[in-house]
C-alpha cells in the first residue's frame, strides 16, 4: 500500500512526463501500483493523451529532471532539453543505474 507522500511524488513525476517504469524504478515501488494510481487520478495512457490541465502545468515551466532548476529554452530545433546541464544528466542516469544494480 502506498502512503500519501509516495502518492504525491508519483503524481508529480507523472505530470512531469515520466513513464510508469521510470517512476517505479526511482521510487522503488511496483509498476502496477504506479499505473493504478495514475489511472485513478486520470493520468493514465500515453503522454499526448493526458488531460489538458496536466499538460499546461508542464508547458508553463520546464524544469530539470534532476535538480528542478528552470530550463531556459532558446527556441532551438530538435529534441527538447530535459536537463539543465551535462552534469545533471549524468548524475540522474547514474542514480538510476546504481539503483538497478542494487548499490
N, C-alpha and C. Protein backbone atom coordinates (compact mmCIF):
# COMPACT_ATOMS: atom_id res chain seq x y z
N UNK A 1 0.85 -1.18 0.00
CA UNK A 1 0.00 0.00 0.00
C UNK A 1 0.89 1.25 0.00
N UNK A 2 0.50 2.22 -0.77
CA UNK A 2 1.28 3.45 -0.90
C UNK A 2 0.84 4.48 0.14
N UNK A 3 1.81 5.13 0.78
CA UNK A 3 1.45 6.19 1.72
C UNK A 3 1.22 7.50 0.95
N UNK A 4 0.74 8.50 1.64
CA UNK A 4 0.36 9.76 0.99
C UNK A 4 1.56 10.46 0.35
N UNK A 5 2.71 10.39 1.00
CA UNK A 5 3.90 11.05 0.46
C UNK A 5 4.31 10.43 -0.88
N UNK A 6 4.27 9.09 -0.95
CA UNK A 6 4.61 8.40 -2.20
C UNK A 6 3.60 8.73 -3.29
N UNK A 7 2.33 8.79 -2.92
CA UNK A 7 1.29 9.11 -3.91
C UNK A 7 1.54 10.48 -4.53
N UNK A 8 1.88 11.46 -3.69
CA UNK A 8 2.14 12.81 -4.19
C UNK A 8 3.35 12.82 -5.12
N UNK A 9 4.40 12.09 -4.75
CA UNK A 9 5.60 12.04 -5.60
C UNK A 9 5.29 11.39 -6.94
N UNK A 10 4.50 10.31 -6.92
CA UNK A 10 4.14 9.61 -8.16
C UNK A 10 3.36 10.54 -9.07
N UNK A 11 2.37 11.22 -8.53
CA UNK A 11 1.55 12.11 -9.35
C UNK A 11 2.37 13.28 -9.89
N UNK A 12 3.28 13.80 -9.07
CA UNK A 12 4.13 14.91 -9.51
C UNK A 12 5.04 14.48 -10.67
N UNK A 13 5.65 13.30 -10.54
CA UNK A 13 6.53 12.81 -11.60
C UNK A 13 5.75 12.50 -12.87
N UNK A 14 4.54 11.98 -12.71
CA UNK A 14 3.72 11.67 -13.89
C UNK A 14 3.34 12.95 -14.63
N UNK A 15 3.04 14.00 -13.88
CA UNK A 15 2.70 15.28 -14.52
C UNK A 15 3.91 15.87 -15.24
N UNK A 16 5.12 15.53 -14.79
CA UNK A 16 6.33 16.00 -15.47
C UNK A 16 6.60 15.21 -16.74
N UNK A 17 5.88 14.10 -16.93
CA UNK A 17 6.04 13.35 -18.17
C UNK A 17 6.76 12.03 -18.03
N UNK A 18 7.06 11.59 -16.82
CA UNK A 18 7.73 10.32 -16.63
C UNK A 18 6.78 9.16 -16.92
N UNK A 19 7.32 8.06 -17.36
CA UNK A 19 6.54 6.84 -17.60
C UNK A 19 6.41 6.03 -16.32
N UNK A 20 5.54 5.02 -16.39
CA UNK A 20 5.30 4.17 -15.22
C UNK A 20 6.57 3.47 -14.75
N UNK A 21 7.33 2.92 -15.69
CA UNK A 21 8.54 2.17 -15.33
C UNK A 21 9.58 3.07 -14.69
N UNK A 22 9.75 4.27 -15.22
CA UNK A 22 10.73 5.21 -14.66
C UNK A 22 10.36 5.58 -13.23
N UNK A 23 9.08 5.89 -13.02
CA UNK A 23 8.62 6.27 -11.68
C UNK A 23 8.81 5.11 -10.72
N UNK A 24 8.44 3.91 -11.15
CA UNK A 24 8.55 2.73 -10.29
C UNK A 24 10.00 2.46 -9.90
N UNK A 25 10.92 2.60 -10.84
CA UNK A 25 12.32 2.31 -10.52
C UNK A 25 12.93 3.37 -9.61
N UNK A 26 12.56 4.63 -9.81
CA UNK A 26 13.10 5.70 -8.97
C UNK A 26 12.58 5.61 -7.54
N UNK A 27 11.28 5.33 -7.38
CA UNK A 27 10.67 5.30 -6.05
C UNK A 27 10.64 3.90 -5.42
N UNK A 28 11.13 2.90 -6.17
CA UNK A 28 11.19 1.51 -5.68
C UNK A 28 9.82 0.99 -5.28
N UNK A 29 8.87 1.14 -6.17
CA UNK A 29 7.53 0.57 -5.99
C UNK A 29 7.19 -0.24 -7.23
N UNK A 30 6.10 -1.00 -7.17
CA UNK A 30 5.70 -1.81 -8.31
C UNK A 30 5.13 -0.94 -9.41
N UNK A 31 5.41 -1.34 -10.64
CA UNK A 31 4.92 -0.61 -11.80
C UNK A 31 3.39 -0.60 -11.83
N UNK A 32 2.77 -1.71 -11.45
CA UNK A 32 1.31 -1.79 -11.45
C UNK A 32 0.69 -0.84 -10.42
N UNK A 33 1.37 -0.66 -9.28
CA UNK A 33 0.87 0.29 -8.28
C UNK A 33 0.88 1.71 -8.84
N UNK A 34 1.95 2.05 -9.56
CA UNK A 34 2.05 3.38 -10.18
C UNK A 34 0.96 3.55 -11.22
N UNK A 35 0.79 2.54 -12.07
CA UNK A 35 -0.21 2.60 -13.14
C UNK A 35 -1.62 2.74 -12.57
N UNK A 36 -1.93 1.96 -11.54
CA UNK A 36 -3.27 2.02 -10.94
C UNK A 36 -3.54 3.38 -10.30
N UNK A 37 -2.55 3.93 -9.62
CA UNK A 37 -2.72 5.25 -9.00
C UNK A 37 -2.93 6.32 -10.06
N UNK A 38 -2.12 6.28 -11.11
CA UNK A 38 -2.26 7.27 -12.18
C UNK A 38 -3.60 7.14 -12.87
N UNK A 39 -4.06 5.93 -13.07
CA UNK A 39 -5.35 5.70 -13.70
C UNK A 39 -6.48 6.27 -12.84
N UNK A 40 -6.36 6.11 -11.53
CA UNK A 40 -7.37 6.61 -10.60
C UNK A 40 -7.48 8.13 -10.66
N UNK A 41 -6.36 8.82 -10.90
CA UNK A 41 -6.34 10.28 -10.94
C UNK A 41 -6.40 10.84 -12.36
N UNK A 42 -6.66 9.99 -13.34
CA UNK A 42 -6.82 10.46 -14.71
C UNK A 42 -5.52 10.78 -15.42
N UNK A 43 -4.42 10.20 -14.96
CA UNK A 43 -3.12 10.45 -15.58
C UNK A 43 -2.61 9.21 -16.31
N UNK A 44 -3.52 8.37 -16.77
CA UNK A 44 -3.11 7.15 -17.45
C UNK A 44 -2.95 7.39 -18.94
N UNK A 45 -2.47 6.39 -19.63
CA UNK A 45 -2.32 6.49 -21.08
C UNK A 45 -0.98 7.08 -21.46
N UNK A 46 -0.88 7.42 -22.74
CA UNK A 46 0.35 7.99 -23.26
C UNK A 46 0.40 9.48 -22.96
N UNK A 47 1.60 10.06 -23.10
CA UNK A 47 1.80 11.47 -22.76
C UNK A 47 0.84 12.38 -23.51
N UNK A 48 0.63 12.15 -24.79
CA UNK A 48 -0.20 13.05 -25.57
C UNK A 48 -1.67 12.92 -25.24
N UNK A 49 -2.06 11.88 -24.51
CA UNK A 49 -3.47 11.73 -24.18
C UNK A 49 -3.79 12.10 -22.74
N UNK A 50 -2.83 12.68 -22.02
CA UNK A 50 -3.11 13.15 -20.67
C UNK A 50 -4.07 14.33 -20.73
N UNK A 51 -4.76 14.57 -19.62
CA UNK A 51 -5.73 15.67 -19.65
C UNK A 51 -5.04 17.02 -19.81
N UNK A 52 -5.75 17.99 -20.31
CA UNK A 52 -5.17 19.29 -20.69
C UNK A 52 -4.56 20.04 -19.51
N UNK A 53 -5.14 19.93 -18.31
CA UNK A 53 -4.61 20.65 -17.15
C UNK A 53 -3.18 20.23 -16.84
N UNK A 54 -2.91 18.94 -16.91
CA UNK A 54 -1.57 18.44 -16.61
C UNK A 54 -0.57 18.94 -17.63
N UNK A 55 -0.96 18.95 -18.89
CA UNK A 55 -0.05 19.39 -19.95
C UNK A 55 0.26 20.87 -19.81
N UNK A 56 -0.71 21.68 -19.46
CA UNK A 56 -0.47 23.11 -19.30
C UNK A 56 0.51 23.38 -18.17
N UNK A 57 0.41 22.63 -17.08
CA UNK A 57 1.33 22.80 -15.96
C UNK A 57 2.75 22.51 -16.41
N UNK A 58 2.94 21.47 -17.18
CA UNK A 58 4.27 21.09 -17.63
C UNK A 58 4.82 22.10 -18.61
N UNK A 59 3.98 22.63 -19.50
CA UNK A 59 4.46 23.54 -20.52
C UNK A 59 4.80 24.93 -19.97
N UNK A 60 4.19 25.34 -18.87
CA UNK A 60 4.46 26.67 -18.33
C UNK A 60 5.90 26.80 -17.85
N UNK A 61 6.35 25.82 -17.07
CA UNK A 61 7.69 25.88 -16.51
C UNK A 61 8.39 24.56 -16.80
N UNK A 62 9.45 24.63 -17.57
CA UNK A 62 10.23 23.43 -17.86
C UNK A 62 11.36 23.38 -16.84
N UNK A 63 11.43 22.25 -16.12
CA UNK A 63 12.44 22.12 -15.09
C UNK A 63 13.32 20.91 -15.35
N UNK A 64 14.50 20.96 -14.81
CA UNK A 64 15.46 19.87 -14.93
C UNK A 64 14.92 18.66 -14.16
N UNK A 65 15.04 17.48 -14.72
CA UNK A 65 14.55 16.27 -14.06
C UNK A 65 15.37 15.90 -12.85
N UNK A 66 16.59 16.39 -12.76
CA UNK A 66 17.46 16.03 -11.65
C UNK A 66 17.39 17.05 -10.51
N UNK A 67 17.56 18.33 -10.82
CA UNK A 67 17.68 19.34 -9.76
C UNK A 67 16.50 20.30 -9.70
N UNK A 68 15.55 20.20 -10.58
CA UNK A 68 14.35 21.05 -10.63
C UNK A 68 14.65 22.53 -10.88
N UNK A 69 15.81 22.85 -11.45
CA UNK A 69 16.07 24.22 -11.87
C UNK A 69 15.30 24.49 -13.16
N UNK A 70 14.93 25.73 -13.35
CA UNK A 70 14.20 26.09 -14.56
C UNK A 70 15.14 26.00 -15.77
N UNK A 71 14.63 25.40 -16.85
CA UNK A 71 15.42 25.26 -18.08
C UNK A 71 15.07 26.41 -19.01
N UNK A 72 16.08 27.10 -19.48
CA UNK A 72 15.88 28.20 -20.41
C UNK A 72 15.87 27.62 -21.82
N UNK A 73 14.75 27.80 -22.51
CA UNK A 73 14.60 27.28 -23.86
C UNK A 73 14.96 28.37 -24.85
N UNK A 74 15.96 28.12 -25.68
CA UNK A 74 16.39 29.13 -26.63
C UNK A 74 15.75 28.93 -28.01
N UNK A 75 14.58 28.31 -28.03
CA UNK A 75 13.81 28.08 -29.25
C UNK A 75 14.62 27.36 -30.33
N UNK A 76 15.45 26.44 -29.90
CA UNK A 76 16.23 25.68 -30.87
C UNK A 76 15.39 24.54 -31.43
N UNK A 77 15.76 24.08 -32.60
CA UNK A 77 15.06 22.97 -33.23
C UNK A 77 15.58 21.66 -32.66
N UNK A 78 14.81 20.62 -32.85
CA UNK A 78 15.26 19.30 -32.42
C UNK A 78 14.66 18.90 -31.09
N UNK A 79 15.34 18.00 -30.43
CA UNK A 79 14.86 17.44 -29.17
C UNK A 79 14.86 18.50 -28.07
N UNK A 80 13.81 18.52 -27.27
CA UNK A 80 13.70 19.48 -26.17
C UNK A 80 14.61 19.06 -25.03
N UNK A 81 15.14 20.04 -24.34
CA UNK A 81 16.04 19.78 -23.22
C UNK A 81 15.24 19.31 -22.01
N UNK A 82 15.76 18.31 -21.30
CA UNK A 82 15.12 17.85 -20.08
C UNK A 82 16.06 17.97 -18.88
N UNK A 83 17.31 18.31 -19.13
CA UNK A 83 18.28 18.54 -18.07
C UNK A 83 18.92 19.91 -18.28
N UNK A 84 19.30 20.55 -17.18
CA UNK A 84 19.89 21.89 -17.29
C UNK A 84 21.35 21.84 -17.71
N UNK A 85 22.02 20.72 -17.45
CA UNK A 85 23.44 20.62 -17.81
C UNK A 85 23.83 19.16 -18.02
N UNK A 86 25.01 18.97 -18.55
CA UNK A 86 25.53 17.62 -18.76
C UNK A 86 25.74 16.92 -17.43
N UNK A 87 26.20 17.66 -16.42
CA UNK A 87 26.43 17.07 -15.10
C UNK A 87 25.13 16.55 -14.49
N UNK A 88 24.05 17.30 -14.64
CA UNK A 88 22.75 16.86 -14.11
C UNK A 88 22.29 15.59 -14.82
N UNK A 89 22.48 15.54 -16.13
CA UNK A 89 22.08 14.37 -16.91
C UNK A 89 22.85 13.13 -16.44
N UNK A 90 24.16 13.27 -16.30
CA UNK A 90 24.97 12.14 -15.87
C UNK A 90 24.62 11.70 -14.45
N UNK A 91 24.41 12.66 -13.56
CA UNK A 91 24.05 12.35 -12.18
C UNK A 91 22.71 11.60 -12.12
N UNK A 92 21.73 12.06 -12.90
CA UNK A 92 20.41 11.45 -12.92
C UNK A 92 20.49 9.99 -13.39
N UNK A 93 21.16 9.76 -14.51
CA UNK A 93 21.23 8.40 -15.04
C UNK A 93 22.12 7.50 -14.20
N UNK A 94 23.12 8.04 -13.53
CA UNK A 94 23.93 7.24 -12.62
C UNK A 94 23.11 6.78 -11.42
N UNK A 95 22.21 7.64 -10.92
CA UNK A 95 21.34 7.25 -9.81
C UNK A 95 20.47 6.07 -10.21
N UNK A 96 19.87 6.14 -11.39
CA UNK A 96 19.01 5.06 -11.86
C UNK A 96 19.82 3.79 -12.06
N UNK A 97 21.00 3.90 -12.65
CA UNK A 97 21.85 2.73 -12.90
C UNK A 97 22.24 2.07 -11.58
N UNK A 98 22.63 2.87 -10.60
CA UNK A 98 23.05 2.31 -9.31
C UNK A 98 21.89 1.67 -8.58
N UNK A 99 20.69 2.21 -8.72
CA UNK A 99 19.52 1.60 -8.08
C UNK A 99 19.20 0.25 -8.71
N UNK A 100 19.33 0.16 -10.03
CA UNK A 100 19.06 -1.10 -10.71
C UNK A 100 20.08 -2.16 -10.31
N UNK A 101 21.31 -1.75 -10.09
CA UNK A 101 22.37 -2.69 -9.72
C UNK A 101 22.33 -3.03 -8.23
N UNK A 102 21.57 -2.28 -7.44
CA UNK A 102 21.42 -2.57 -6.02
C UNK A 102 22.49 -1.97 -5.13
N UNK A 103 23.13 -0.90 -5.57
CA UNK A 103 24.16 -0.24 -4.76
C UNK A 103 23.56 0.75 -3.82
